[in-house]
Amino acid sequence: MTDREKSMSFGQAASAYESGRPGYPAEAVAWLLNPVREPGRALRVADVGAGTGKLTRTIVELGADVVAVDPDADMLATLRENVRGVPTFAGTAERLPLPDAGLDAVVMGQAWHWVDVERASREVGRVLRSGGVLGLIWNIRDDRVDWVRRLTEAMGGSNAEVLLATTGPRVAEPLGALEHGEWRWERRITLPQLRDLVLSRSDVITASPEKRAGIEAAVDGVVASVPELADAGSVALPYITHAFRARRL
């Protein structure tokens, strides 16, 4: 299965994605938008690859005017249930249904690793005003914790995890150089949420029944070693949020 097909698979697990995936630290999202903030004016922002609205709701809470763009109708339907009043549009980073130079910022959460970098950079540059910002953000589990490392081994590494552990993201003209920031934090997660986290991953969504059963069995082995998850408990799942921003030249 191609990366393109995997990138379009998430709507099949929209409910699990909403339950299992974490939101984003407000400090990290604010950092993405800070270069274009102006006193007394709400920012105009597009959340592209918005999914179920994990990043969208944080941008709304920061006071920006937001539109959400995603190629999957099921993900956008879930977003509309969870983030009321945000306009939604079908589209991708390479083909945005938005006017020229109309935005202060384009942001993408857990999404840039799926794009064609040259095409997406040109299209983002088209919809941004001069000096506008592209903000990219990923939540990555902190594998320095033993049980978390074993969980990642059970699930297998994602495209995003491989990208951030190797070359890092890349952008092209008309976008300038990327700046990088990191935030370390924890999310309390229950066993049902942890299972949904596993089920929301593209490699699991698109796996054969046999492969999926093997992944779930391996995850069960890890879960059995985490006593906090027994008896409807919860455990702190540590994350490192990586944020990158680039200005439109």
Foldseek 3Di string as FASTA:
>chain_A
DDLLVLLQLLLVQLVLCVLQDAADDLVQVCVQQVQLDDPPDAFEEEEFLCFLNSDVVSSVVVPHQYAYEEQHPSRVVNNCVVPPPHHYDYDHLLGDPAAFQQGQEYEYEPPPLSDDQASSLVSRLRRHHAFHKYKYKYKDFDVVDPLVVLLCVLLDDDSVRVQVVPVHDDHDPLWDDKDKDKDKDWDKDEPSNNVSNSCSRSCLSPDDPVVNVSSVVSNVVSVVVDVQRPPRGIDITMIMMMMMMITRD
